[in-house]
Amino acid sequence: MVICIIGLGYVGLPLSLAFSSKNIEVIGYDNSLKRVNELKKYIDINREYSQSELHGLKNISFTSKVTNIAKANIYIITVPTPVNKNNTPNLKPLLNASKFVGKNLSINDIVIYESTVYPGCTEEECVPVLEKFSKMKFNKDFFCGYSPERINPGDKKRKLKDIIKVTSGSNYEIAHKIDMLYKKIIEAGTHLAPSIKVAEASKIIENVQRDVNISLMNELAIIFNKMGIDTTDVLKASSTKWNFLNFKPGLVGGHCIGVDPYYLAYKSKKLGYTPNVILSGRKVNNNMGKHISNTIYNLILDNQLNPKNCRALILGVTFKENCSDIRNSRIFNLNDELIKTGVKVDLYDPYAVKEEVFKTYKIQLIEEIKIKYDIIVLAVAHNSFVKMNLTDFKKTKGIVYDVKSILKKELISARL
């Protein structure tokens, strides 16, 4: 058995290491030569693995050449599934991967998709590409499966092996073969879904459910802000009931929660139904940067400050705490909204890779905090930020806004 992992990011690299640790030969492919060369030097720019963890790996090779993957008989595709500017699915990375995997397929090979997609995408979009470029017949000459990724970047407690894996296959035999394959690396166990479509749907609604629930908390936060009520205090009181769901308001970004609802909405619309709840949740969550900026602007005026003379420090740019992932981070939207008010903004995040931030958002992070600020926004709950004494960086009449609602009440001016 030789497994080829397509995509060596937050999903593909952990899979590569897990399978290779079970004495299975693994080919790790990524279209970024830079990424491949870094991994060959035991460097993970995503900071999920240390050099010592990558050093001395056995049964694994890294490549950026598609000609080097043909010896595999199982392909696992873990490429991104982003959205276009109009929030419709961008399947280019997925279909491009399917194209070159198809060119390398041999009889009885299995292609497993882990990228999050709408139900039906694997069989309706990817399989035809595999058939076209392999010149083989699906479920006769080659087979497919779907096992959605559930990795939580930055989470040191719940790693790949600790999260139950949903599996599926294009027929009974292949489904069980894929399930047994993942059982080799997943200590928490697997759940064999009855079809590929069910497995696809199970993943996408995990994130849709979370997005919708957070949007409700965000809408409540907006309402309570207008009423002069502290949302955190309200949630603490409400959570004393046993069946109250413990969601909190916040900026919703990242490669999953802020994207996946659009995939399901797209497919739903194609079938003639507009998913109003899902789309209204997206609208609320996407507007939270503006709400926070407006709140800060009002605090500036309350403190009799001129926004054009104010400098703000945003602490954190990654989409979640204790990781380097900046994909679809809503912090940059908040930055834009603050700039619109006339405030000058610095962004600081020791977890983010500053070169990636500049490449993606054309924003230069500051490397250290050297001055005192009129406004400090705790945007990401990195462990190092929680331990900071923010008064060291705040001017006497300075404002502290706590997006994550984790600081003591007496230390802040307002919170979400």
Protein backbone atom coordinates (compact mmCIF):
# COMPACT_ATOMS: atom_id res chain seq x y z
CA MET A 1 0.00 0.00 0.00
CA VAL A 2 1.24 3.46 -0.94
CA ILE A 3 -0.80 6.51 0.07
CA CYS A 4 -0.43 9.89 -1.61
CA ILE A 5 -1.68 12.90 0.34
CA ILE A 6 -2.57 15.82 -1.94
CA GLY A 7 -2.06 19.09 -0.04
CA LEU A 8 0.32 19.44 2.90
CA GLY A 9 -1.44 22.11 4.93
CA TYR A 10 -3.24 21.95 8.27
CA VAL A 11 -5.06 18.77 7.17
CA GLY A 12 -2.69 16.98 4.83
CA LEU A 13 0.48 17.14 6.90
CA PRO A 14 -1.02 15.54 10.04
CA LEU A 15 -2.51 12.77 7.86
CA SER A 16 0.86 12.17 6.20
CA LEU A 17 2.64 11.85 9.51
CA ALA A 18 -0.08 9.64 11.00
CA PHE A 19 -0.07 7.10 8.18
CA SER A 20 3.73 7.05 7.87
CA SER A 21 3.98 6.30 11.61
CA LYS A 22 2.03 3.07 10.95
CA ASN A 23 4.72 1.80 8.55
CA ILE A 24 2.71 2.80 5.50
CA GLU A 25 4.63 4.39 2.64
CA VAL A 26 3.39 7.96 2.14
CA ILE A 27 3.99 10.43 -0.68
CA GLY A 28 3.19 13.95 0.46
CA TYR A 29 2.38 16.22 -2.48
CA ASP A 30 1.97 19.98 -2.46
CA ASN A 31 1.92 22.35 -5.43
CA SER A 32 4.10 24.79 -3.46
CA LEU A 33 7.78 24.02 -4.00
CA LYS A 34 8.53 26.37 -1.11
CA ARG A 35 6.34 24.32 1.24
CA VAL A 36 7.93 21.06 0.10
CA ASN A 37 11.48 22.37 0.52
CA GLU A 38 10.65 23.66 4.01
CA LEU A 39 9.27 20.28 5.06
CA LYS A 40 12.38 18.57 3.71
CA LYS A 41 14.32 20.84 6.08
CA TYR A 42 11.92 19.91 8.95
CA ILE A 43 10.29 23.35 8.96
CA ASP A 44 6.51 23.69 9.35
CA ILE A 45 5.67 27.33 8.70
CA ASN A 46 2.18 26.68 10.13
CA ARG A 47 3.87 25.92 13.49
CA GLU A 48 1.77 22.85 14.11
CA TYR A 49 4.90 20.69 14.31
CA SER A 50 8.36 21.42 15.71
CA GLN A 51 11.59 20.56 13.90
CA SER A 52 12.20 17.73 16.35
CA GLU A 53 8.77 16.24 15.52
CA LEU A 54 9.54 16.34 11.79
CA HIS A 55 13.13 15.16 12.09
CA GLY A 56 13.80 11.50 11.48
CA LEU A 57 10.46 10.72 9.81
CA LYS A 58 10.32 7.35 8.10
CA ASN A 59 8.20 6.01 5.25
CA ILE A 60 7.47 9.48 3.89
CA SER A 61 8.67 11.62 1.01
CA PHE A 62 7.64 15.13 -0.03
CA THR A 63 7.29 16.32 -3.60
CA SER A 64 5.83 19.09 -5.75
CA LYS A 65 6.06 17.07 -8.97
CA VAL A 66 2.89 15.32 -10.11
CA THR A 67 5.02 12.77 -11.94
CA ASN A 68 6.22 11.46 -8.56
CA ILE A 69 2.82 10.32 -7.29
CA ALA A 70 1.93 7.56 -9.79
CA LYS A 71 3.15 4.68 -7.59
CA ALA A 72 0.38 5.36 -5.05
CA ASN A 73 -2.76 3.22 -5.00
CA ILE A 74 -4.68 5.36 -2.52
CA TYR A 75 -4.97 9.14 -3.00
CA ILE A 76 -6.30 11.42 -0.26
CA ILE A 77 -7.18 14.92 -1.46
CA THR A 78 -7.05 17.67 1.19
CA VAL A 79 -6.93 20.86 -0.87
CA PRO A 80 -8.78 24.08 0.10
CA THR A 81 -12.37 24.69 -0.97
CA PRO A 82 -12.75 28.50 -0.78
CA VAL A 83 -15.47 30.73 -2.18
CA ASN A 84 -15.37 33.25 -5.01
CA LYS A 85 -15.93 36.98 -4.46
CA ASN A 86 -19.67 36.44 -4.90
CA ASN A 87 -19.62 33.73 -2.22
CA THR A 88 -20.17 30.84 -4.63
CA PRO A 89 -18.03 27.68 -4.40
CA ASN A 90 -14.57 27.89 -5.91
CA LEU A 91 -13.90 24.29 -6.89
CA LYS A 92 -10.77 25.03 -8.94
CA PRO A 93 -8.28 23.60 -6.39
CA LEU A 94 -10.42 20.48 -5.97
CA LEU A 95 -10.95 19.90 -9.69
CA ASN A 96 -7.30 20.62 -10.52
CA ALA A 97 -6.25 18.01 -7.95
CA SER A 98 -8.79 15.57 -9.42
CA LYS A 99 -7.36 16.22 -12.88
CA PHE A 100 -3.74 15.32 -12.10
CA VAL A 101 -4.73 12.45 -9.81
CA GLY A 102 -6.89 11.13 -12.66
CA LYS A 103 -3.88 11.21 -14.98
CA ASN A 104 -1.97 9.01 -12.52
CA LEU A 105 -4.70 6.50 -11.65
CA SER A 106 -4.21 2.78 -12.11
CA ILE A 107 -6.74 -0.05 -12.01
CA ASN A 108 -8.37 -0.52 -8.56
CA ASP A 109 -6.95 2.71 -7.12
CA ILE A 110 -9.01 4.57 -4.51
CA VAL A 111 -9.43 8.36 -4.33
CA ILE A 112 -10.61 9.75 -0.98
CA TYR A 113 -11.71 13.37 -0.63
CA GLU A 114 -11.42 15.20 2.69
CA SER A 115 -12.08 18.77 1.52
CA THR A 116 -15.39 20.22 2.71
CA VAL A 117 -17.98 20.35 -0.08
CA TYR A 118 -21.74 20.42 -0.57
CA PRO A 119 -23.55 17.05 -0.70
CA GLY A 120 -23.15 15.50 -4.12
CA CYS A 121 -19.99 17.35 -5.11
CA THR A 122 -17.67 14.33 -5.01
CA GLU A 123 -19.79 12.21 -7.34
CA GLU A 124 -21.21 15.03 -9.50
CA GLU A 125 -18.12 17.21 -9.97
CA CYS A 126 -14.96 15.28 -9.05
CA VAL A 127 -15.71 11.79 -10.36
CA PRO A 128 -16.36 12.97 -13.96
CA VAL A 129 -12.94 14.69 -13.92
CA LEU A 130 -11.28 11.51 -12.64
CA GLU A 131 -13.01 9.48 -15.36
CA LYS A 132 -12.07 11.94 -18.11
CA PHE A 133 -8.37 12.11 -17.33
CA SER A 134 -7.89 8.47 -16.27
CA LYS A 135 -9.96 7.14 -19.20
CA MET A 136 -11.35 4.63 -16.71
CA LYS A 137 -14.80 3.83 -15.36
CA PHE A 138 -15.89 4.85 -11.85
CA ASN A 139 -16.79 1.95 -9.53
CA LYS A 140 -15.39 -0.51 -12.05
CA ASP A 141 -11.78 0.52 -12.65
CA PHE A 142 -11.29 2.94 -9.76
CA PHE A 143 -13.22 3.86 -6.62
CA CYS A 144 -13.88 6.86 -4.40
CA GLY A 145 -14.58 7.74 -0.80
CA TYR A 146 -15.24 10.76 1.31
CA SER A 147 -13.97 11.30 4.86
CA PRO A 148 -14.37 14.91 5.98
CA GLU A 149 -11.50 16.57 7.77
CA ARG A 150 -12.22 17.59 11.36
CA ILE A 151 -8.82 18.91 12.37
CA ASN A 152 -8.86 21.91 14.70
CA PRO A 153 -5.72 24.04 14.00
CA GLY A 154 -3.86 25.08 17.12
CA ASP A 155 -5.67 22.56 19.33
CA LYS A 156 -3.06 20.58 21.26
CA LYS A 157 -5.65 18.56 23.19
CA ARG A 158 -7.80 17.27 20.31
CA LYS A 159 -5.43 16.09 17.61
CA LEU A 160 -6.18 14.02 14.51
CA LYS A 161 -6.12 10.71 16.38
CA ASP A 162 -8.47 12.01 19.08
CA ILE A 163 -11.36 13.04 16.81
CA ILE A 164 -13.90 10.49 15.55
CA LYS A 165 -13.59 10.15 11.76
CA VAL A 166 -16.63 9.93 9.50
CA THR A 167 -15.90 7.64 6.55
CA SER A 168 -17.72 6.56 3.39
CA GLY A 169 -17.11 4.80 0.10
CA SER A 170 -18.58 4.43 -3.38
CA ASN A 171 -19.69 0.84 -2.73
CA TYR A 172 -20.04 -1.49 0.26
CA GLU A 173 -16.63 -3.13 -0.08
CA ILE A 174 -14.74 0.13 -0.65
CA ALA A 175 -16.56 1.88 2.21
CA HIS A 176 -15.41 -0.80 4.65
CA LYS A 177 -11.88 -0.76 3.21
CA ILE A 178 -11.67 3.01 3.71
CA ASP A 179 -13.11 2.70 7.20
CA MET A 180 -10.47 0.12 8.15
CA LEU A 181 -7.76 2.34 6.67
CA TYR A 182 -8.67 5.26 8.93
CA LYS A 183 -9.04 2.97 11.93
CA LYS A 184 -5.27 2.46 11.70
CA ILE A 185 -4.63 6.08 12.72
CA ILE A 186 -7.77 7.25 14.57
CA GLU A 187 -7.74 6.13 18.20
CA ALA A 188 -11.12 7.76 18.87
CA GLY A 189 -12.74 5.47 16.31
CA THR A 190 -14.66 5.93 13.08
CA HIS A 191 -18.27 6.32 11.97
CA LEU A 192 -19.09 4.64 8.66
CA ALA A 193 -21.75 6.71 6.88
CA PRO A 194 -24.19 4.93 4.53
CA SER A 195 -23.18 7.04 1.51
CA ILE A 196 -20.73 9.65 0.28
CA LYS A 197 -23.51 12.25 0.20
CA VAL A 198 -24.37 11.61 3.86
CA ALA A 199 -20.70 12.02 4.84
CA GLU A 200 -20.47 15.26 2.84
CA ALA A 201 -23.64 16.60 4.46
CA SER A 202 -22.52 15.63 7.96
CA LYS A 203 -19.42 17.79 7.72
CA ILE A 204 -21.01 20.83 6.19
CA ILE A 205 -23.80 21.05 8.76
CA GLU A 206 -21.30 20.86 11.64
CA ASN A 207 -20.07 24.26 10.52
CA VAL A 208 -23.45 25.61 9.40
CA GLN A 209 -24.90 24.83 12.83
CA ARG A 210 -22.06 26.63 14.58
CA ASP A 211 -22.26 29.63 12.24
CA VAL A 212 -26.01 30.05 12.75
CA ASN A 213 -25.75 29.72 16.53
CA ILE A 214 -22.95 32.29 16.73
CA SER A 215 -24.94 34.64 14.51
CA LEU A 216 -27.80 34.51 17.02
CA MET A 217 -25.38 35.43 19.83
CA ASN A 218 -23.99 38.24 17.68
CA GLU A 219 -27.44 39.62 17.00
CA LEU A 220 -28.24 39.46 20.71
CA ALA A 221 -24.97 41.28 21.45
CA ILE A 222 -25.99 44.09 19.09
CA ILE A 223 -29.41 44.36 20.75
CA PHE A 224 -28.02 44.26 24.28
CA ASN A 225 -25.38 46.84 23.37
CA LYS A 226 -28.17 49.23 22.40
CA MET A 227 -29.91 48.46 25.71
CA GLY A 228 -26.77 49.08 27.75
CA ILE A 229 -26.70 45.45 28.94
CA ASP A 230 -23.50 43.40 29.15
CA THR A 231 -23.93 40.33 26.92
CA THR A 232 -21.46 38.21 28.89
CA ASP A 233 -23.43 38.82 32.08
CA VAL A 234 -26.63 37.79 30.30
CA LEU A 235 -25.08 34.58 28.95
CA LYS A 236 -23.69 33.64 32.36
CA ALA A 237 -27.16 33.93 33.84
CA SER A 238 -28.86 32.04 30.99
CA SER A 239 -26.32 29.23 31.02
CA THR A 240 -27.44 28.21 34.51
CA LYS A 241 -30.31 26.34 32.80
CA TRP A 242 -29.32 22.79 31.86
CA ASN A 243 -30.43 22.95 28.22
CA PHE A 244 -29.07 26.39 27.32
CA LEU A 245 -26.54 26.12 24.47
CA ASN A 246 -23.28 27.77 25.42
CA PHE A 247 -22.39 29.78 22.31
CA LYS A 248 -20.73 33.20 22.45
CA PRO A 249 -20.66 36.21 20.12
CA GLY A 250 -17.55 36.83 18.04
CA LEU A 251 -15.89 37.39 14.69
CA VAL A 252 -16.51 34.33 12.52
CA GLY A 253 -13.75 33.58 10.03
CA GLY A 254 -11.45 30.78 9.00
CA HIS A 255 -11.51 28.26 6.19
CA CYS A 256 -14.59 26.39 7.48
CA ILE A 257 -17.28 28.18 9.47
CA GLY A 258 -17.25 31.38 7.44
CA VAL A 259 -17.18 29.50 4.11
CA ASP A 260 -19.09 26.21 4.32
CA PRO A 261 -22.58 27.73 4.74
CA TYR A 262 -22.19 29.29 1.29
CA TYR A 263 -21.53 25.84 -0.20
CA LEU A 264 -24.74 24.40 1.22
CA ALA A 265 -26.70 27.54 0.29
CA TYR A 266 -25.38 27.32 -3.28
CA LYS A 267 -26.55 23.74 -3.70
CA SER A 268 -29.86 24.50 -2.01
CA LYS A 269 -30.55 27.38 -4.40
CA LYS A 270 -29.71 25.12 -7.34
CA LEU A 271 -32.48 22.83 -6.10
CA GLY A 272 -34.94 25.72 -5.89
CA TYR A 273 -34.87 26.56 -2.18
CA THR A 274 -33.33 29.70 -0.67
CA PRO A 275 -32.01 28.87 2.85
CA ASN A 276 -33.02 32.06 4.67
CA VAL A 277 -31.76 31.13 8.14
CA ILE A 278 -28.33 30.08 6.87
CA LEU A 279 -27.87 33.20 4.74
CA SER A 280 -29.18 35.59 7.40
CA GLY A 281 -26.64 34.09 9.81
CA ARG A 282 -23.87 34.80 7.33
CA LYS A 283 -25.07 38.39 6.91
CA VAL A 284 -25.09 39.04 10.66
CA ASN A 285 -21.66 37.50 11.18
CA ASN A 286 -20.09 39.35 8.26
CA ASN A 287 -21.28 42.69 9.69
CA MET A 288 -19.75 42.25 13.15
CA GLY A 289 -16.53 44.06 12.24
CA LYS A 290 -18.58 47.15 11.43
CA HIS A 291 -20.56 46.82 14.69
CA ILE A 292 -17.37 46.61 16.76
CA SER A 293 -15.85 49.55 14.89
CA ASN A 294 -18.97 51.66 15.46
CA THR A 295 -18.91 50.84 19.16
CA ILE A 296 -15.26 51.85 19.41
CA TYR A 297 -15.95 55.05 17.46
CA ASN A 298 -18.67 56.00 19.95
CA LEU A 299 -16.28 55.31 22.84
CA ILE A 300 -13.73 57.62 21.21
CA LEU A 301 -16.30 60.40 21.05
CA ASP A 302 -17.44 59.71 24.64
CA ASN A 303 -13.82 60.13 25.76
CA GLN A 304 -13.71 63.46 23.90
CA LEU A 305 -10.99 62.24 21.56
CA ASN A 306 -10.55 63.02 17.87
CA PRO A 307 -10.51 59.78 15.83
CA LYS A 308 -8.01 61.26 13.39
CA ASN A 309 -5.56 61.78 16.24
CA CYS A 310 -6.00 58.27 17.63
CA ARG A 311 -3.86 55.20 17.08
CA ALA A 312 -5.27 51.74 17.70
CA LEU A 313 -3.52 48.44 18.38
CA ILE A 314 -5.28 45.27 17.28
CA LEU A 315 -3.97 42.26 19.17
CA GLY A 316 -4.24 39.21 16.93
CA VAL A 317 -4.97 38.63 13.24
CA THR A 318 -5.36 34.86 12.99
CA PHE A 319 -8.88 33.51 12.68
CA LYS A 320 -8.62 31.75 16.05
CA GLU A 321 -6.37 31.56 19.07
CA ASN A 322 -2.98 29.88 19.35
CA CYS A 323 -2.51 29.09 15.67
CA SER A 324 -0.98 30.84 12.66
CA ASP A 325 -3.92 30.39 10.28
CA ILE A 326 -5.04 33.70 8.71
CA ARG A 327 -7.39 32.27 6.07
CA ASN A 328 -10.60 34.31 5.85
CA SER A 329 -9.79 36.05 9.15
CA ARG A 330 -12.38 38.73 9.93
CA ILE A 331 -9.80 40.74 11.87
CA PHE A 332 -8.75 42.39 8.61
CA ASN A 333 -12.33 43.50 8.00
CA LEU A 334 -12.34 45.05 11.48
CA ASN A 335 -9.06 46.78 10.62
CA ASP A 336 -10.62 48.24 7.46
CA GLU A 337 -13.69 49.45 9.35
CA LEU A 338 -11.58 51.19 12.00
CA ILE A 339 -9.49 52.91 9.33
CA LYS A 340 -12.72 54.27 7.80
CA THR A 341 -13.37 56.15 11.06
CA GLY A 342 -10.06 57.97 10.68
CA VAL A 343 -8.17 55.94 13.28
CA LYS A 344 -4.61 54.81 12.49
CA VAL A 345 -4.18 51.09 13.16
CA ASP A 346 -1.27 48.82 14.04
CA LEU A 347 -1.67 45.04 14.06
CA TYR A 348 0.40 42.71 16.22
CA ASP A 349 0.40 38.92 16.25
CA PRO A 350 3.43 36.79 17.15
CA TYR A 351 1.60 33.63 16.00
CA ALA A 352 0.95 34.82 12.44
CA VAL A 353 3.60 34.57 9.72
CA LYS A 354 4.12 38.20 8.76
CA GLU A 355 5.19 37.33 5.20
CA GLU A 356 1.92 35.46 4.66
CA VAL A 357 -0.08 38.36 6.09
CA PHE A 358 1.59 40.82 3.74
CA LYS A 359 1.23 38.49 0.75
CA THR A 360 -2.48 37.88 1.41
CA TYR A 361 -3.70 41.21 2.83
CA LYS A 362 -0.92 43.70 1.95
CA ILE A 363 -0.65 44.62 5.64
CA GLN A 364 2.64 44.86 7.53
CA LEU A 365 2.43 43.55 11.10
CA ILE A 366 4.44 45.35 13.75
CA GLU A 367 7.14 43.14 15.26
CA GLU A 368 6.88 44.49 18.80
CA ILE A 369 4.79 46.94 20.79
CA LYS A 370 6.90 50.05 21.33
CA ILE A 371 4.38 52.81 22.07
CA LYS A 372 1.22 53.49 24.06
CA TYR A 373 -2.11 53.48 22.25
CA ASP A 374 -5.38 55.37 22.43
CA ILE A 375 -7.27 52.17 21.61
CA ILE A 376 -6.40 48.54 22.26
CA VAL A 377 -8.56 45.82 20.71
CA LEU A 378 -8.08 42.29 22.03
CA ALA A 379 -9.24 40.48 18.89
CA VAL A 380 -7.74 36.98 19.33
CA ALA A 381 -7.41 35.09 22.61
CA HIS A 382 -3.81 33.91 22.18
CA ASN A 383 -2.43 32.62 25.48
CA SER A 384 0.33 35.24 25.41
CA PHE A 385 -2.25 38.05 25.03
CA VAL A 386 -4.37 36.84 27.94
CA LYS A 387 -1.30 37.10 30.18
CA MET A 388 -0.41 40.61 28.98
CA ASN A 389 -0.74 43.67 31.19
CA LEU A 390 -2.53 45.91 28.69
CA THR A 391 -2.12 49.00 30.86
CA ASP A 392 1.55 48.95 29.84
CA PHE A 393 0.49 49.87 26.29
CA LYS A 394 -2.56 52.03 26.96
CA LYS A 395 -2.64 55.81 27.28
CA THR A 396 -4.28 57.35 30.36
CA LYS A 397 -7.59 58.02 28.58
CA GLY A 398 -7.16 54.95 26.41
CA ILE A 399 -9.90 52.53 25.40
CA VAL A 400 -9.75 48.74 25.71
CA TYR A 401 -12.24 46.72 23.68
CA ASP A 402 -12.46 42.98 24.38
CA VAL A 403 -13.79 41.10 21.35
CA LYS A 404 -13.34 37.73 23.06
CA SER A 405 -14.87 38.72 26.43
CA ILE A 406 -12.07 37.12 28.42
CA LEU A 407 -10.56 40.08 30.27
CA LYS A 408 -11.69 41.23 33.70
CA LYS A 409 -14.53 43.71 33.48
CA GLU A 410 -12.65 46.41 35.37
CA LEU A 411 -9.82 46.35 32.81
CA ILE A 412 -11.94 47.11 29.75
CA SER A 413 -14.04 49.90 28.29
CA ALA A 414 -16.44 47.57 26.47
CA ARG A 415 -16.75 44.04 25.15
CA LEU A 416 -18.78 42.15 22.58
